[in-house]
Amino acid sequence: MKQMLAEIQNGTYAKAWIAENEAGRPNFSKLREADRNHPIEQVGVRLRALMPFLKPIASEDTVGAAR
């Protein structure tokens, strides 16, 4: 945590994030896809589909995820 705080304070984090975005976010996209395909997320999609009292909000991340 101390290292993370230091990177935020000294600008290292911001520089890395800007470079990631300028490169098309390859690492961010890879991590996001891994999270989307994690078993707990797949179970969550199925469970939410069984809860009619929830009003699903369709987004590009959730469209087709229940299949």
Protein backbone atom coordinates (compact mmCIF):
# COMPACT_ATOMS: atom_id res chain seq x y z
CA MET A 1 0.00 0.00 0.00
CA LYS A 2 2.84 2.38 0.81
CA GLN A 3 4.41 1.75 -2.58
CA MET A 4 1.09 2.37 -4.32
CA LEU A 5 0.63 5.64 -2.44
CA ALA A 6 4.18 6.71 -3.30
CA GLU A 7 3.54 5.98 -7.01
CA ILE A 8 0.38 8.09 -6.90
CA GLN A 9 2.13 10.92 -5.09
CA ASN A 10 5.21 11.01 -7.32
CA GLY A 11 3.26 10.73 -10.59
CA THR A 12 4.50 7.29 -11.63
CA TYR A 13 0.97 5.87 -11.59
CA ALA A 14 -0.44 8.70 -13.73
CA LYS A 15 2.37 8.39 -16.27
CA ALA A 16 1.85 4.64 -16.55
CA TRP A 17 -1.93 5.06 -16.91
CA ILE A 18 -1.54 7.71 -19.61
CA ALA A 19 0.95 5.51 -21.49
CA GLU A 20 -1.46 2.55 -21.19
CA ASN A 21 -4.29 4.61 -22.68
CA GLU A 22 -2.12 5.98 -25.47
CA ALA A 23 -1.16 2.40 -26.37
CA GLY A 24 -4.83 1.38 -26.69
CA ARG A 25 -5.19 -0.06 -23.15
CA PRO A 26 -3.84 -3.57 -23.91
CA ASN A 27 -3.19 -4.53 -20.28
CA PHE A 28 -6.42 -2.98 -19.00
CA SER A 29 -8.46 -4.77 -21.68
CA LYS A 30 -6.77 -8.09 -20.91
CA LEU A 31 -7.49 -7.75 -17.19
CA ARG A 32 -11.09 -6.65 -17.83
CA GLU A 33 -11.69 -9.67 -20.07
CA ALA A 34 -10.19 -12.01 -17.47
CA ASP A 35 -12.50 -10.54 -14.82
CA ARG A 36 -15.52 -10.81 -17.13
CA ASN A 37 -14.79 -14.48 -17.72
CA HIS A 38 -14.08 -15.34 -14.09
CA PRO A 39 -16.43 -18.09 -12.81
CA ILE A 40 -17.85 -15.85 -10.06
CA GLU A 41 -18.98 -13.35 -12.68
CA GLN A 42 -20.62 -16.07 -14.76
CA VAL A 43 -22.50 -17.32 -11.70
CA GLY A 44 -23.51 -13.74 -10.88
CA VAL A 45 -25.04 -13.27 -14.33
CA ARG A 46 -27.14 -16.41 -13.89
CA LEU A 47 -28.19 -15.49 -10.35
CA ARG A 48 -29.24 -11.97 -11.31
CA ALA A 49 -31.33 -13.44 -14.14
CA LEU A 50 -33.30 -15.37 -11.49
CA MET A 51 -34.12 -12.21 -9.53
CA PRO A 52 -37.10 -10.54 -11.23
CA PHE A 53 -37.06 -7.68 -8.71
CA LEU A 54 -33.76 -6.47 -10.16
CA LYS A 55 -34.04 -4.18 -13.13
CA PRO A 56 -31.17 -5.22 -15.38
CA ILE A 57 -29.24 -2.47 -17.09
CA ALA A 58 -27.88 -3.54 -20.44
CA SER A 59 -24.39 -2.37 -21.25
CA GLU A 60 -21.78 -3.57 -23.68
CA ASP A 61 -20.22 -5.55 -20.81
CA THR A 62 -23.44 -7.41 -19.96
CA VAL A 63 -25.11 -7.89 -23.33
CA GLY A 64 -24.85 -11.56 -24.21
CA ALA A 65 -23.06 -12.42 -20.94
CA ALA A 66 -25.88 -14.67 -19.73
CA ARG A 67 -25.45 -17.09 -22.59
